Protein backbone atom coordinates (compact mmCIF):
# COMPACT_ATOMS: atom_id res chain seq x y z
CA UNK A 1 116.67 89.44 -230.90
CA UNK A 2 116.99 89.45 -227.16
CA UNK A 3 117.95 92.77 -225.64
CA UNK A 4 119.40 93.28 -222.20
CA UNK A 5 118.12 96.38 -220.48
CA UNK A 6 119.64 97.85 -217.38
CA UNK A 7 116.98 100.04 -215.87
CA UNK A 8 118.29 102.46 -213.30
CA UNK A 9 115.70 103.31 -210.70
CA UNK A 10 116.00 105.58 -207.73
CA UNK A 11 114.63 104.94 -204.27
CA UNK A 12 114.99 107.89 -201.95
CA UNK A 13 116.00 106.78 -198.47
CA UNK A 14 115.94 110.36 -197.08
CA UNK A 15 115.59 113.92 -198.29
CA UNK A 16 119.31 114.19 -198.85
CA UNK A 17 120.39 110.80 -200.15
CA UNK A 18 119.27 108.65 -203.08
CA UNK A 19 120.36 105.11 -203.81
CA UNK A 20 120.90 104.18 -207.44
CA UNK A 21 119.86 100.61 -208.04
CA UNK A 22 120.19 98.29 -211.02
CA UNK A 23 117.19 96.29 -212.14
CA UNK A 24 117.79 93.68 -214.89
CA UNK A 25 115.23 92.98 -217.58
CA UNK A 26 115.57 90.74 -220.64
CA UNK A 27 113.16 91.67 -223.45
CA UNK A 28 112.22 89.58 -226.47
CA UNK A 29 109.37 89.21 -228.96
CA UNK A 30 106.67 91.54 -230.21
CA UNK A 31 103.03 92.03 -229.29
CA UNK A 32 101.11 92.68 -226.06
CA UNK A 33 103.45 93.05 -223.11
CA UNK A 34 103.99 90.32 -220.54
CA UNK A 35 106.17 90.77 -217.45
CA UNK A 36 107.54 87.54 -215.95
CA UNK A 37 108.72 87.53 -212.32
CA UNK A 38 110.80 84.62 -210.96
CA UNK A 39 110.60 83.17 -207.47
CA UNK A 40 112.84 83.17 -204.41
CA UNK A 41 116.56 83.15 -205.28
CA UNK A 42 115.81 82.44 -208.93
CA UNK A 43 117.28 84.01 -212.04
CA UNK A 44 115.00 85.28 -214.78
CA UNK A 45 116.42 82.41 -216.83
CA UNK A 46 113.84 80.21 -215.10
CA UNK A 47 111.46 81.47 -217.80
CA UNK A 48 113.67 80.67 -220.82
CA UNK A 49 111.54 77.81 -222.16
CA UNK A 50 108.32 79.72 -221.47
CA UNK A 51 109.56 82.82 -223.26
CA UNK A 52 110.77 80.80 -226.24
CA UNK A 53 107.09 80.04 -226.90
CA UNK A 54 105.42 83.24 -225.70
CA UNK A 55 107.74 85.58 -227.58
CA UNK A 56 106.24 84.38 -230.87
CA UNK A 57 103.12 86.38 -230.04
CA UNK A 58 104.01 88.63 -227.11
CA UNK A 59 106.69 91.07 -225.99
CA UNK A 60 108.17 89.33 -222.95
CA UNK A 61 109.93 91.29 -220.21
CA UNK A 62 111.76 88.86 -217.91
CA UNK A 63 112.90 90.27 -214.59
CA UNK A 64 115.77 89.21 -212.35
CA UNK A 65 115.11 90.78 -208.96
CA UNK A 66 117.95 92.52 -207.10
CA UNK A 67 119.82 90.10 -204.85
CA UNK A 68 118.80 86.98 -206.78
CA UNK A 69 121.03 84.99 -209.09
CA UNK A 70 123.97 87.13 -210.13
CA UNK A 71 122.01 90.38 -209.83
CA UNK A 72 123.58 92.48 -207.02
CA UNK A 73 121.61 93.13 -203.85
CA UNK A 74 120.19 96.55 -203.04
CA UNK A 75 119.38 98.42 -199.86
CA UNK A 76 115.90 97.64 -198.53
CA UNK A 77 115.14 100.27 -195.86
CA UNK A 78 111.40 99.57 -196.08
CA UNK A 79 111.76 95.78 -196.35
CA UNK A 80 111.97 93.34 -199.25
CA UNK A 81 108.34 93.24 -200.41
CA UNK A 82 107.72 97.02 -200.42
CA UNK A 83 111.06 97.62 -202.14
CA UNK A 84 110.42 95.09 -204.90
CA UNK A 85 106.83 96.24 -205.33
CA UNK A 86 108.10 99.82 -205.82
CA UNK A 87 110.73 98.74 -208.35
CA UNK A 88 108.27 96.68 -210.40
CA UNK A 89 105.59 99.38 -210.14
CA UNK A 90 108.00 101.91 -211.65
CA UNK A 91 108.82 99.48 -214.45
CA UNK A 92 105.16 98.76 -215.21
CA UNK A 93 104.32 102.47 -215.19
CA UNK A 94 107.11 103.11 -217.68
CA UNK A 95 105.49 100.74 -220.20
CA UNK A 96 102.69 103.24 -220.96
CA UNK A 97 100.21 100.41 -221.62
CA UNK A 98 98.50 97.57 -219.80
CA UNK A 99 100.61 94.50 -219.09
CA UNK A 100 100.03 90.89 -218.09
CA UNK A 101 101.97 89.53 -215.11
CA UNK A 102 103.24 85.96 -214.77
CA UNK A 103 104.81 85.24 -211.39
CA UNK A 104 106.29 82.08 -209.92
CA UNK A 105 106.25 81.49 -206.16
CA UNK A 106 107.49 84.73 -204.56
CA UNK A 107 106.99 86.35 -207.96
CA UNK A 108 103.39 85.21 -207.83
CA UNK A 109 102.91 86.82 -204.43
CA UNK A 110 104.35 90.09 -205.75
CA UNK A 111 101.98 89.82 -208.72
CA UNK A 112 99.02 89.58 -206.34
CA UNK A 113 100.11 92.74 -204.52
CA UNK A 114 100.64 94.58 -207.79
CA UNK A 115 97.23 93.53 -209.15
CA UNK A 116 95.69 95.27 -206.15
CA UNK A 117 97.84 98.41 -206.22
CA UNK A 118 97.81 98.84 -210.03
CA UNK A 119 94.34 97.71 -211.16
CA UNK A 120 94.33 99.99 -214.21
CA UNK A 121 97.78 98.89 -215.38
CA UNK A 122 97.46 95.10 -215.22
CA UNK A 123 95.29 93.24 -217.71
CA UNK A 124 95.67 89.64 -216.47
CA UNK A 125 97.68 87.78 -213.83
CA UNK A 126 99.07 84.23 -213.86
CA UNK A 127 100.15 82.87 -210.48
CA UNK A 128 102.44 79.81 -210.62
CA UNK A 129 102.31 77.77 -207.39
CA UNK A 130 101.92 80.60 -204.93
CA UNK A 131 99.52 81.41 -202.11
CA UNK A 132 98.31 84.73 -200.70
CA UNK A 133 99.54 83.46 -197.31
CA UNK A 134 102.41 81.02 -197.62
CA UNK A 135 102.38 79.89 -193.99
CA UNK A 136 98.70 78.90 -194.05
CA UNK A 137 99.47 76.38 -196.80
CA UNK A 138 101.17 74.14 -194.22
CA UNK A 139 99.56 75.49 -191.03
CA UNK A 140 95.85 76.38 -191.34
CA UNK A 141 96.01 78.09 -187.94
CA UNK A 142 98.81 80.43 -189.02
CA UNK A 143 98.54 84.18 -188.51
CA UNK A 144 101.02 86.92 -189.23
CA UNK A 145 101.65 87.24 -185.50
CA UNK A 146 102.10 83.59 -184.54
CA UNK A 147 104.45 82.92 -187.47
CA UNK A 148 107.00 85.57 -186.48
CA UNK A 149 108.89 83.25 -184.14
CA UNK A 150 109.29 80.41 -186.62
CA UNK A 151 110.08 82.78 -189.46
CA UNK A 152 112.74 84.52 -187.37
CA UNK A 153 114.37 81.18 -186.50
CA UNK A 154 114.45 80.10 -190.14
CA UNK A 155 115.89 83.44 -191.19
CA UNK A 156 118.66 83.22 -188.60
CA UNK A 157 119.43 79.63 -189.59
CA UNK A 158 119.82 80.65 -193.22
CA UNK A 159 122.14 83.48 -192.27
CA UNK A 160 124.26 81.44 -189.85
CA UNK A 161 125.02 78.47 -192.11
CA UNK A 162 128.45 78.13 -193.69
CA UNK A 163 128.56 78.07 -197.51
CA UNK A 164 129.06 74.31 -197.34
CA UNK A 165 126.09 73.83 -195.00
CA UNK A 166 123.90 76.11 -197.09
CA UNK A 167 124.73 74.28 -200.33
CA UNK A 168 124.06 70.91 -198.68
CA UNK A 169 120.69 72.17 -197.47
CA UNK A 170 119.80 73.47 -200.93
CA UNK A 171 120.84 70.21 -202.57
CA UNK A 172 118.75 68.22 -200.10
CA UNK A 173 115.60 70.33 -200.49
CA UNK A 174 115.67 71.08 -204.22
CA UNK A 175 114.28 67.64 -205.31
CA UNK A 176 111.07 68.73 -203.55
CA UNK A 177 111.02 71.72 -205.90
CA UNK A 178 111.49 70.01 -209.27
CA UNK A 179 111.60 66.57 -210.85
CA UNK A 180 113.65 67.89 -213.78
CA UNK A 181 117.10 66.36 -213.19
CA UNK A 182 118.80 68.74 -215.62
CA UNK A 183 117.44 71.79 -213.81
CA UNK A 184 118.26 70.67 -210.25
CA UNK A 185 121.92 71.81 -210.21
CA UNK A 186 120.96 75.06 -211.95
CA UNK A 187 118.45 75.91 -209.23
CA UNK A 188 121.02 75.11 -206.53
CA UNK A 189 123.58 77.35 -208.23
CA UNK A 190 121.10 80.23 -208.36
CA UNK A 191 120.52 79.84 -204.63
CA UNK A 192 124.25 79.93 -203.95
CA UNK A 193 124.79 82.94 -206.22
CA UNK A 194 121.94 84.88 -204.62
CA UNK A 195 122.60 87.29 -201.78
CA UNK A 196 121.91 85.34 -198.59
CA UNK A 197 120.59 88.35 -196.69
CA UNK A 198 118.10 89.19 -199.44
CA UNK A 199 116.90 85.58 -199.66
CA UNK A 200 116.49 85.27 -195.88
CA UNK A 201 114.62 88.56 -195.55
CA UNK A 202 112.34 87.74 -198.50
CA UNK A 203 111.49 84.34 -197.01
CA UNK A 204 110.81 85.90 -193.59
CA UNK A 205 108.43 88.49 -195.05
CA UNK A 206 106.69 85.88 -197.20
CA UNK A 207 106.05 83.73 -194.10
CA UNK A 208 104.65 86.65 -192.09
CA UNK A 209 102.50 88.46 -194.68
CA UNK A 210 98.85 87.48 -195.09
CA UNK A 211 97.29 88.88 -198.29
CA UNK A 212 94.08 86.81 -198.26
CA UNK A 213 91.67 89.56 -197.17
CA UNK A 214 93.11 92.03 -199.69
CA UNK A 215 92.13 89.65 -202.51
CA UNK A 216 88.57 90.99 -202.16
CA UNK A 217 89.85 94.17 -203.81
CA UNK A 218 91.44 92.35 -206.78
CA UNK A 219 89.19 92.33 -209.85
CA UNK A 220 91.89 91.41 -212.40
CA UNK A 221 91.32 88.07 -214.21
CA UNK A 222 93.62 85.56 -212.56
CA UNK A 223 94.85 82.07 -213.41
CA UNK A 224 96.37 80.10 -210.52
CA UNK A 225 98.44 77.04 -211.46
CA UNK A 226 99.22 74.89 -208.44
CA UNK A 227 101.35 71.82 -207.72
CA UNK A 228 100.53 68.95 -205.39
CA UNK A 229 102.63 65.89 -206.38
CA UNK A 230 105.60 66.71 -204.13
CA UNK A 231 103.34 66.30 -201.10
CA UNK A 232 102.11 62.79 -201.89
CA UNK A 233 104.61 61.21 -199.50
CA UNK A 234 103.38 63.53 -196.74
CA UNK A 235 99.72 62.63 -196.99
CA UNK A 236 98.61 65.36 -199.39
CA UNK A 237 96.21 64.55 -202.21
CA UNK A 238 95.20 66.45 -205.31
CA UNK A 239 91.83 67.11 -203.68
CA UNK A 240 93.27 68.41 -200.41
CA UNK A 241 95.69 70.74 -202.18
CA UNK A 242 92.96 72.00 -204.51
CA UNK A 243 90.86 72.81 -201.42
CA UNK A 244 93.79 74.69 -199.88
CA UNK A 245 94.16 76.82 -203.00
CA UNK A 246 90.40 77.37 -203.24
CA UNK A 247 90.16 78.40 -199.58
CA UNK A 248 93.03 80.87 -199.84
CA UNK A 249 91.77 82.45 -203.06
CA UNK A 250 88.07 82.40 -202.13
CA UNK A 251 87.80 86.21 -201.93
CA UNK A 252 89.24 86.77 -205.41
CA UNK A 253 86.42 87.81 -207.73
CA UNK A 254 87.76 86.44 -211.03
CA UNK A 255 90.04 83.44 -210.44
CA UNK A 256 90.57 80.11 -212.19
CA UNK A 257 92.54 77.39 -210.34
CA UNK A 258 94.20 74.43 -212.06
CA UNK A 259 96.50 71.78 -210.56
CA UNK A 260 99.41 70.34 -212.55
CA UNK A 261 99.29 66.54 -212.98
CA UNK A 262 102.80 65.52 -211.80
CA UNK A 263 104.80 68.73 -211.35
CA UNK A 264 106.58 69.87 -208.24
CA UNK A 265 107.04 73.56 -207.44
CA UNK A 266 108.70 74.54 -210.74
CA UNK A 267 105.64 73.68 -212.84
CA UNK A 268 107.03 75.30 -216.00
CA UNK A 269 109.99 72.88 -215.86
CA UNK A 270 108.17 69.72 -214.76
CA UNK A 271 104.93 69.76 -216.77
CA UNK A 272 105.97 72.08 -219.59
CA UNK A 273 103.35 71.10 -222.19
CA UNK A 274 100.49 71.24 -219.66
CA UNK A 275 101.79 74.57 -218.38
CA UNK A 276 102.00 76.14 -221.85
CA UNK A 277 98.55 74.83 -222.78
CA UNK A 278 96.90 76.40 -219.72
CA UNK A 279 98.92 79.59 -220.06
CA UNK A 280 98.24 80.07 -223.77
CA UNK A 281 94.54 79.41 -223.38
CA UNK A 282 94.23 81.95 -220.58
CA UNK A 283 96.21 84.61 -222.42
CA UNK A 284 94.03 84.22 -225.52
């Protein structure tokens, strides 16, 4: 039976003031613990089909990050990535045993950071269509410094759009994210429900944070599942995308990279059987 846990964590902003923050987790199944982290502006429900299978053999903890979906936003005095890393670190520590992380997109990037900061707490990591440096995936010359301008412009654009403009933009871009027609309106609704400020700040930090060199310190076994089909109309090939993944993850000591056959960004929705086959094999 699925349980809904509200975990109250405290982040101290100063010596005199603490901010109580709600962190949603849905738990189901029994067995070794797996923590599933959704991507940008996504609800934890993105993992429903995955968990329906995994929970037969594992205890699945599905997160919905603060500010995404219907989960209320929180204060982020140190920024989005450090705040979320602290929240998830506290949750992992509370489990009292090693866990496996499965992260999609932004959730995959957070999983990379956590695998470095918590090497003794994380048994395996599955990264679903995420890079250690997002900007370098479309601009090989990108650096943290030279991406600040573009990232700032995109952040301001997201914040300045009217609700109607923002929904139109989400509806126009979402077909690049998934080929699952039933899921398209759900993903758009999650974007609209999410706190715009949290989404914009998360995207800005993702564009301006390069984690490639830090991968040399990650020894955790890692499976990277990538997508390439959405770039076919823009000149990308399976081989070129595989090279991009391989180049970005080259410093990781124990990494396996697989590309989905026809999926777009939401691989678990688009190539479900392939996804579950690769995932189950790696977890075993």
